[in-house]
Amino acid sequence: IANLVYAFCVNPSEWERLRADRSLKRKAVEEGLRWKGTAQVVIRTSTKDVDVSGVTIPAGCKVIAFLGAANRDPRQWDDPDRFD
């Protein structure tokens, strides 16, 4: 919640946009989590051998996903550093 409040403080035009159109509530929360998510890293253990982009990850290996990096991927987001 604090990150979303901060996002609106530094992006007052987005706050005004939300105030004008309350149907954007869900999208605003999702964007807040993408822009300044609280969980930056997720660690899992593979349960079976799996191929990812031509690389085999054996069963029992630790796999780390850096969500903060994924949420700022310019291949996915037009302007990844912008709260929109």
Protein backbone atom coordinates (compact mmCIF):
# COMPACT_ATOMS: atom_id res chain seq x y z
CA ILE A 1 0.00 0.00 0.00
CA ALA A 2 2.83 2.37 0.87
CA ASN A 3 4.46 1.84 -2.52
CA LEU A 4 1.19 2.63 -4.27
CA VAL A 5 0.73 5.80 -2.22
CA TYR A 6 4.31 6.78 -3.09
CA ALA A 7 3.65 6.07 -6.78
CA PHE A 8 0.69 8.43 -6.77
CA CYS A 9 2.66 11.09 -4.86
CA VAL A 10 5.39 11.17 -7.48
CA ASN A 11 2.90 10.73 -10.35
CA PRO A 12 0.02 13.06 -9.46
CA SER A 13 -1.42 12.94 -12.98
CA GLU A 14 -1.98 9.19 -12.53
CA TRP A 15 -3.77 9.89 -9.24
CA GLU A 16 -6.05 12.34 -11.02
CA ARG A 17 -6.64 9.78 -13.78
CA LEU A 18 -7.72 7.19 -11.19
CA ARG A 19 -9.95 9.69 -9.40
CA ALA A 20 -11.67 10.47 -12.69
CA ASP A 21 -12.14 6.80 -13.62
CA ARG A 22 -12.62 4.43 -10.67
CA SER A 23 -12.74 1.45 -13.02
CA LEU A 24 -8.91 1.72 -13.11
CA LYS A 25 -8.57 0.61 -9.46
CA ARG A 26 -7.52 -2.96 -10.21
CA LYS A 27 -5.08 -1.86 -12.92
CA ALA A 28 -3.59 0.73 -10.55
CA VAL A 29 -2.89 -1.91 -7.91
CA GLU A 30 -1.37 -4.27 -10.48
CA GLU A 31 0.80 -1.48 -11.87
CA GLY A 32 1.90 -0.53 -8.36
CA LEU A 33 3.00 -4.10 -7.74
CA ARG A 34 4.88 -4.18 -11.04
CA TRP A 35 6.50 -0.78 -10.57
CA LYS A 36 7.64 -1.20 -6.93
CA GLY A 37 6.79 -4.76 -5.98
CA THR A 38 7.57 -5.92 -2.47
CA ALA A 39 8.86 -9.36 -3.49
CA GLN A 40 11.96 -8.98 -5.66
CA VAL A 41 13.18 -12.59 -5.66
CA VAL A 42 11.41 -15.96 -5.67
CA ILE A 43 13.34 -19.19 -5.08
CA ARG A 44 11.95 -22.58 -6.08
CA THR A 45 13.28 -26.12 -6.48
CA SER A 46 12.70 -27.91 -9.77
CA THR A 47 10.78 -31.16 -9.32
CA LYS A 48 11.79 -32.67 -12.66
CA ASP A 49 14.23 -32.04 -15.50
CA VAL A 50 12.96 -29.16 -17.61
CA ASP A 51 14.23 -27.39 -20.72
CA VAL A 52 14.24 -23.58 -20.66
CA SER A 53 15.40 -21.91 -23.87
CA GLY A 54 17.68 -24.81 -24.73
CA VAL A 55 19.16 -25.20 -21.24
CA THR A 56 18.25 -28.21 -19.11
CA ILE A 57 17.51 -27.50 -15.47
CA PRO A 58 17.89 -30.80 -13.62
CA ALA A 59 15.42 -32.00 -11.00
CA GLY A 60 16.35 -30.80 -7.53
CA CYS A 61 18.07 -27.58 -8.66
CA LYS A 62 17.32 -24.26 -7.05
CA VAL A 63 15.83 -21.76 -9.49
CA ILE A 64 15.79 -18.04 -8.74
CA ALA A 65 13.43 -15.63 -10.47
CA PHE A 66 14.28 -11.94 -10.15
CA LEU A 67 10.82 -10.40 -10.34
CA GLY A 68 12.11 -6.85 -10.07
CA ALA A 69 14.13 -7.38 -13.25
CA ALA A 70 11.23 -9.06 -15.04
CA ASN A 71 8.93 -6.19 -14.11
CA ARG A 72 11.33 -3.73 -15.78
CA ASP A 73 11.98 -5.77 -18.93
CA PRO A 74 11.88 -3.39 -21.93
CA ARG A 75 10.85 -6.30 -24.16
CA GLN A 76 7.62 -6.53 -22.15
CA TRP A 77 6.94 -2.91 -21.14
CA ASP A 78 7.06 0.14 -23.43
CA ASP A 79 8.52 2.39 -20.70
CA PRO A 80 9.36 0.00 -17.85
CA ASP A 81 10.48 2.64 -15.35
CA ARG A 82 7.27 4.65 -15.68
CA PHE A 83 4.32 4.17 -13.33
CA ASP A 84 1.35 4.13 -15.70
